[in-house]
Amino acid sequence: MFIAQELRKKNIAEYLLYMWQVEDTIRAFDCSLARIRREYIDRFDYNEEQKEEEADWFGNLIHMMNTEGCRQQGHLQINKVTLQMMTELHQQLLSSSKFPFYNAEYYKVLPFIVELRNRGANKEEGEVETCLNLLYGVMMLRLQKKEITPNTQHALKEVSTFVGMLSDYYKKDKEEPLEF
């Protein structure tokens, strides 16, 4: 919860990737709040009040995952809405002539997006989601200490730059709405 709050303020893409990781963490503990508390939360250097807040937050997420039918897979509605807001901003940036650097970066990563979509199981996902799925997938590979091919590393570098730009514009738009 504490990490999520900070990431949401600083970088929306990192926040969303973190929340996807939290969803997977909850699944890894079989959606058991008792296990999450005992085996996960208690490992952090939190005081008792912070541990209770964190446990409440996880409890609410578990409840939402059960209610929304994403106990085994998929994303919470709150995360889908965040992705949708990012996607809408992406479309606004592309359709405006006021953001040529964003447009240039988009066309630079478009071949990677097309290739990733052609390889992926879900060809209907949006461009922003495709980019975030690459970032999340590489993060999971690194956690598992698996090799990342040079081609994937190249795509990762370009997509990271693009998603970083989108996140920066998202933050700027929240602070003072952008003019398109």
C-alpha atoms as a PDB file:
ATOM      1  CA  MET A   1       0.000   0.000   0.000  1.00  0.00           C
ATOM      2  CA  PHE A   2       2.732   2.435   0.965  1.00  0.00           C
ATOM      3  CA  ILE A   3       4.759   1.639  -2.153  1.00  0.00           C
ATOM      4  CA  ALA A   4       1.665   1.824  -4.357  1.00  0.00           C
ATOM      5  CA  GLN A   5       0.737   5.246  -2.993  1.00  0.00           C
ATOM      6  CA  GLU A   6       4.178   6.654  -3.754  1.00  0.00           C
ATOM      7  CA  LEU A   7       4.391   5.090  -7.213  1.00  0.00           C
ATOM      8  CA  ARG A   8       0.938   6.388  -8.177  1.00  0.00           C
ATOM      9  CA  LYS A   9       2.150   9.944  -7.494  1.00  0.00           C
ATOM     10  CA  LYS A  10       5.482   9.565  -9.297  1.00  0.00           C
ATOM     11  CA  ASN A  11       5.056   7.184 -12.243  1.00  0.00           C
ATOM     12  CA  ILE A  12       1.750   5.698 -13.345  1.00  0.00           C
ATOM     13  CA  ALA A  13       3.357   2.917 -15.409  1.00  0.00           C
ATOM     14  CA  GLU A  14       5.500   1.762 -12.492  1.00  0.00           C
ATOM     15  CA  TYR A  15       2.406   1.920 -10.287  1.00  0.00           C
ATOM     16  CA  LEU A  16       0.426  -0.277 -12.662  1.00  0.00           C
ATOM     17  CA  LEU A  17       3.266  -2.789 -13.010  1.00  0.00           C
ATOM     18  CA  TYR A  18       3.566  -2.877  -9.238  1.00  0.00           C
ATOM     19  CA  MET A  19      -0.171  -3.492  -8.880  1.00  0.00           C
ATOM     20  CA  TRP A  20       0.024  -6.351 -11.377  1.00  0.00           C
ATOM     21  CA  GLN A  21       2.813  -7.784  -9.244  1.00  0.00           C
ATOM     22  CA  VAL A  22       0.644  -7.381  -6.127  1.00  0.00           C
ATOM     23  CA  GLU A  23      -2.155  -9.302  -7.879  1.00  0.00           C
ATOM     24  CA  ASP A  24       0.305 -12.100  -8.644  1.00  0.00           C
ATOM     25  CA  THR A  25       1.651 -11.997  -5.073  1.00  0.00           C
ATOM     26  CA  ILE A  26      -1.881 -12.441  -3.740  1.00  0.00           C
ATOM     27  CA  ARG A  27      -2.380 -15.387  -6.093  1.00  0.00           C
ATOM     28  CA  ALA A  28       0.935 -16.911  -4.989  1.00  0.00           C
ATOM     29  CA  PHE A  29      -0.408 -16.937  -1.429  1.00  0.00           C
ATOM     30  CA  ASP A  30      -3.686 -18.531  -2.592  1.00  0.00           C
ATOM     31  CA  CYS A  31      -5.607 -15.340  -1.787  1.00  0.00           C
ATOM     32  CA  SER A  32      -5.064 -16.053   1.915  1.00  0.00           C
ATOM     33  CA  LEU A  33      -4.782 -12.905   4.003  1.00  0.00           C
ATOM     34  CA  ALA A  34      -3.444 -14.910   6.959  1.00  0.00           C
ATOM     35  CA  ARG A  35      -0.588 -16.251   4.818  1.00  0.00           C
ATOM     36  CA  ILE A  36       0.120 -12.845   3.288  1.00  0.00           C
ATOM     37  CA  ARG A  37       0.266 -11.316   6.752  1.00  0.00           C
ATOM     38  CA  ARG A  38       2.467 -14.057   8.186  1.00  0.00           C
ATOM     39  CA  GLU A  39       4.736 -14.801   5.223  1.00  0.00           C
ATOM     40  CA  TYR A  40       4.886 -11.447   3.444  1.00  0.00           C
ATOM     41  CA  ILE A  41       3.844  -8.366   5.427  1.00  0.00           C
ATOM     42  CA  ASP A  42       5.644  -9.426   8.607  1.00  0.00           C
ATOM     43  CA  ARG A  43       8.926  -9.488   6.672  1.00  0.00           C
ATOM     44  CA  PHE A  44       8.836  -5.706   6.207  1.00  0.00           C
ATOM     45  CA  ASP A  45      10.213  -3.280   8.734  1.00  0.00           C
ATOM     46  CA  TYR A  46       6.804  -1.826   9.590  1.00  0.00           C
ATOM     47  CA  ASN A  47       5.409  -0.951  12.975  1.00  0.00           C
ATOM     48  CA  GLU A  48       2.202  -2.698  14.075  1.00  0.00           C
ATOM     49  CA  GLU A  49      -0.058   0.102  12.840  1.00  0.00           C
ATOM     50  CA  GLN A  50       1.571   0.011   9.405  1.00  0.00           C
ATOM     51  CA  LYS A  51       1.268  -3.776   9.294  1.00  0.00           C
ATOM     52  CA  GLU A  52      -2.450  -3.477  10.079  1.00  0.00           C
ATOM     53  CA  GLU A  53      -2.919  -0.867   7.331  1.00  0.00           C
ATOM     54  CA  GLU A  54      -1.056  -3.055   4.872  1.00  0.00           C
ATOM     55  CA  ALA A  55      -3.094  -6.115   5.895  1.00  0.00           C
ATOM     56  CA  ASP A  56      -6.339  -4.146   5.471  1.00  0.00           C
ATOM     57  CA  TRP A  57      -5.223  -3.041   2.021  1.00  0.00           C
ATOM     58  CA  PHE A  58      -4.380  -6.610   0.999  1.00  0.00           C
ATOM     59  CA  GLY A  59      -7.665  -7.805   2.476  1.00  0.00           C
ATOM     60  CA  ASN A  60      -9.573  -5.302   0.355  1.00  0.00           C
ATOM     61  CA  LEU A  61      -7.666  -6.359  -2.762  1.00  0.00           C
ATOM     62  CA  ILE A  62      -8.388 -10.030  -2.044  1.00  0.00           C
ATOM     63  CA  HIS A  63     -12.075  -9.217  -1.612  1.00  0.00           C
ATOM     64  CA  MET A  64     -12.078  -7.326  -4.939  1.00  0.00           C
ATOM     65  CA  MET A  65     -10.272 -10.166  -6.705  1.00  0.00           C
ATOM     66  CA  ASN A  66     -12.859 -12.650  -5.425  1.00  0.00           C
ATOM     67  CA  THR A  67     -15.779 -10.370  -6.281  1.00  0.00           C
ATOM     68  CA  GLU A  68     -14.458  -9.469  -9.739  1.00  0.00           C
ATOM     69  CA  GLY A  69     -13.577 -13.035 -10.686  1.00  0.00           C
ATOM     70  CA  CYS A  70      -9.851 -12.492 -11.120  1.00  0.00           C
ATOM     71  CA  ARG A  71      -8.681 -14.830  -8.394  1.00  0.00           C
ATOM     72  CA  GLN A  72      -6.825 -17.031 -10.908  1.00  0.00           C
ATOM     73  CA  GLN A  73      -5.961 -14.539 -13.654  1.00  0.00           C
ATOM     74  CA  GLY A  74      -6.754 -11.140 -15.060  1.00  0.00           C
ATOM     75  CA  HIS A  75      -6.623  -7.710 -13.505  1.00  0.00           C
ATOM     76  CA  LEU A  76      -8.672  -5.820 -10.972  1.00  0.00           C
ATOM     77  CA  GLN A  77     -11.096  -3.220 -12.275  1.00  0.00           C
ATOM     78  CA  ILE A  78      -9.107  -0.437 -10.558  1.00  0.00           C
ATOM     79  CA  ASN A  79      -6.073  -1.492 -12.598  1.00  0.00           C
ATOM     80  CA  LYS A  80      -8.092  -1.765 -15.809  1.00  0.00           C
ATOM     81  CA  VAL A  81      -9.356   1.779 -15.275  1.00  0.00           C
ATOM     82  CA  THR A  82      -5.794   3.059 -14.767  1.00  0.00           C
ATOM     83  CA  LEU A  83      -4.744   1.324 -17.986  1.00  0.00           C
ATOM     84  CA  GLN A  84      -7.747   2.832 -19.766  1.00  0.00           C
ATOM     85  CA  MET A  85      -6.780   6.337 -18.587  1.00  0.00           C
ATOM     86  CA  MET A  86      -3.253   5.790 -19.887  1.00  0.00           C
ATOM     87  CA  THR A  87      -4.633   4.523 -23.197  1.00  0.00           C
ATOM     88  CA  GLU A  88      -6.940   7.519 -23.565  1.00  0.00           C
ATOM     89  CA  LEU A  89      -4.064   9.914 -22.923  1.00  0.00           C
ATOM     90  CA  HIS A  90      -1.947   7.978 -25.441  1.00  0.00           C
ATOM     91  CA  GLN A  91      -4.662   8.475 -28.081  1.00  0.00           C
ATOM     92  CA  GLN A  92      -4.964  12.178 -27.278  1.00  0.00           C
ATOM     93  CA  LEU A  93      -1.201  12.661 -27.534  1.00  0.00           C
ATOM     94  CA  LEU A  94      -1.084  10.853 -30.886  1.00  0.00           C
ATOM     95  CA  SER A  95      -3.959  12.817 -32.363  1.00  0.00           C
ATOM     96  CA  SER A  96      -2.472  16.178 -31.360  1.00  0.00           C
ATOM     97  CA  SER A  97       0.161  18.007 -33.379  1.00  0.00           C
ATOM     98  CA  LYS A  98       1.498  19.572 -30.166  1.00  0.00           C
ATOM     99  CA  PHE A  99       3.470  16.475 -29.120  1.00  0.00           C
ATOM    100  CA  PRO A 100       5.831  15.632 -32.024  1.00  0.00           C
ATOM    101  CA  PHE A 101       8.430  13.927 -29.801  1.00  0.00           C
ATOM    102  CA  TYR A 102       5.800  11.576 -28.405  1.00  0.00           C
ATOM    103  CA  ASN A 103       4.583  10.784 -31.912  1.00  0.00           C
ATOM    104  CA  ALA A 104       8.157  10.139 -33.066  1.00  0.00           C
ATOM    105  CA  GLU A 105       8.790   7.809 -30.135  1.00  0.00           C
ATOM    106  CA  TYR A 106       5.515   5.995 -30.818  1.00  0.00           C
ATOM    107  CA  TYR A 107       6.446   5.309 -34.434  1.00  0.00           C
ATOM    108  CA  LYS A 108       9.845   4.143 -33.257  1.00  0.00           C
ATOM    109  CA  VAL A 109       8.281   1.471 -31.002  1.00  0.00           C
ATOM    110  CA  LEU A 110       5.368   0.565 -33.282  1.00  0.00           C
ATOM    111  CA  PRO A 111       7.281  -2.270 -35.023  1.00  0.00           C
ATOM    112  CA  PHE A 112       8.006  -3.809 -31.609  1.00  0.00           C
ATOM    113  CA  ILE A 113       4.337  -3.490 -30.630  1.00  0.00           C
ATOM    114  CA  VAL A 114       3.259  -5.204 -33.869  1.00  0.00           C
ATOM    115  CA  GLU A 115       5.796  -8.009 -33.362  1.00  0.00           C
ATOM    116  CA  LEU A 116       4.765  -8.500 -29.725  1.00  0.00           C
ATOM    117  CA  ARG A 117       1.094  -8.636 -30.700  1.00  0.00           C
ATOM    118  CA  ASN A 118       1.799 -11.196 -33.407  1.00  0.00           C
ATOM    119  CA  ARG A 119       3.619 -13.399 -30.878  1.00  0.00           C
ATOM    120  CA  GLY A 120       1.148 -12.918 -28.026  1.00  0.00           C
ATOM    121  CA  ALA A 121      -1.931 -14.873 -27.158  1.00  0.00           C
ATOM    122  CA  ASN A 122      -4.152 -11.792 -26.952  1.00  0.00           C
ATOM    123  CA  LYS A 123      -3.957  -9.934 -30.241  1.00  0.00           C
ATOM    124  CA  GLU A 124      -6.827  -7.659 -29.199  1.00  0.00           C
ATOM    125  CA  GLU A 125      -5.017  -5.878 -26.367  1.00  0.00           C
ATOM    126  CA  GLY A 126      -4.204  -2.218 -26.842  1.00  0.00           C
ATOM    127  CA  GLU A 127      -0.807  -0.799 -27.656  1.00  0.00           C
ATOM    128  CA  VAL A 128      -0.164   0.568 -24.180  1.00  0.00           C
ATOM    129  CA  GLU A 129      -1.116  -2.765 -22.613  1.00  0.00           C
ATOM    130  CA  THR A 130       1.200  -4.580 -25.032  1.00  0.00           C
ATOM    131  CA  CYS A 131       4.071  -2.339 -23.950  1.00  0.00           C
ATOM    132  CA  LEU A 132       3.299  -2.837 -20.259  1.00  0.00           C
ATOM    133  CA  ASN A 133       3.055  -6.602 -20.763  1.00  0.00           C
ATOM    134  CA  LEU A 134       6.572  -6.575 -22.237  1.00  0.00           C
ATOM    135  CA  LEU A 135       7.895  -4.620 -19.252  1.00  0.00           C
ATOM    136  CA  TYR A 136       6.118  -6.923 -16.808  1.00  0.00           C
ATOM    137  CA  GLY A 137       7.254 -10.065 -18.601  1.00  0.00           C
ATOM    138  CA  VAL A 138      10.887  -8.980 -18.563  1.00  0.00           C
ATOM    139  CA  MET A 139      10.580  -8.061 -14.888  1.00  0.00           C
ATOM    140  CA  MET A 140       9.324 -11.595 -14.186  1.00  0.00           C
ATOM    141  CA  LEU A 141      12.163 -13.123 -16.234  1.00  0.00           C
ATOM    142  CA  ARG A 142      14.698 -11.122 -14.251  1.00  0.00           C
ATOM    143  CA  LEU A 143      13.155 -12.207 -10.948  1.00  0.00           C
ATOM    144  CA  GLN A 144      13.478 -15.803 -12.128  1.00  0.00           C
ATOM    145  CA  LYS A 145      17.074 -15.098 -13.236  1.00  0.00           C
ATOM    146  CA  LYS A 146      16.259 -16.178 -16.790  1.00  0.00           C
ATOM    147  CA  GLU A 147      18.117 -15.017 -19.860  1.00  0.00           C
ATOM    148  CA  ILE A 148      16.819 -12.050 -21.822  1.00  0.00           C
ATOM    149  CA  THR A 149      17.735 -12.137 -25.495  1.00  0.00           C
ATOM    150  CA  PRO A 150      19.505  -9.185 -27.139  1.00  0.00           C
ATOM    151  CA  ASN A 151      16.427  -8.565 -29.336  1.00  0.00           C
ATOM    152  CA  THR A 152      14.195  -8.433 -26.267  1.00  0.00           C
ATOM    153  CA  GLN A 153      16.659  -6.121 -24.523  1.00  0.00           C
ATOM    154  CA  HIS A 154      16.587  -3.776 -27.514  1.00  0.00           C
ATOM    155  CA  ALA A 155      12.782  -3.791 -27.594  1.00  0.00           C
ATOM    156  CA  LEU A 156      12.737  -3.260 -23.826  1.00  0.00           C
ATOM    157  CA  LYS A 157      14.957  -0.185 -24.098  1.00  0.00           C
ATOM    158  CA  GLU A 158      12.769   1.435 -26.749  1.00  0.00           C
ATOM    159  CA  VAL A 159       9.467   0.509 -25.099  1.00  0.00           C
ATOM    160  CA  SER A 160      10.730   1.711 -21.706  1.00  0.00           C
ATOM    161  CA  THR A 161      11.528   5.116 -23.189  1.00  0.00           C
ATOM    162  CA  PHE A 162       8.095   5.319 -24.809  1.00  0.00           C
ATOM    163  CA  VAL A 163       6.219   4.249 -21.667  1.00  0.00           C
ATOM    164  CA  GLY A 164       8.340   6.656 -19.638  1.00  0.00           C
ATOM    165  CA  MET A 165       7.251   9.511 -21.903  1.00  0.00           C
ATOM    166  CA  LEU A 166       3.618   8.493 -21.550  1.00  0.00           C
ATOM    167  CA  SER A 167       3.988   8.351 -17.757  1.00  0.00           C
ATOM    168  CA  ASP A 168       5.586  11.796 -17.701  1.00  0.00           C
ATOM    169  CA  TYR A 169       2.731  13.229 -19.756  1.00  0.00           C
ATOM    170  CA  TYR A 170       0.232  11.481 -17.483  1.00  0.00           C
ATOM    171  CA  LYS A 171       1.779  13.120 -14.432  1.00  0.00           C
ATOM    172  CA  LYS A 172       1.896  16.532 -16.119  1.00  0.00           C
ATOM    173  CA  ASP A 173      -1.741  16.158 -17.202  1.00  0.00           C
ATOM    174  CA  LYS A 174      -2.796  15.383 -13.621  1.00  0.00           C
ATOM    175  CA  GLU A 175      -0.875  18.366 -12.232  1.00  0.00           C
ATOM    176  CA  GLU A 176      -2.126  20.809 -14.859  1.00  0.00           C
ATOM    177  CA  PRO A 177      -4.263  19.521 -17.737  1.00  0.00           C
ATOM    178  CA  LEU A 178      -2.423  19.361 -21.052  1.00  0.00           C
ATOM    179  CA  GLU A 179      -3.752  21.312 -24.016  1.00  0.00           C
ATOM    180  CA  PHE A 180      -4.213  19.122 -27.028  1.00  0.00           C
END
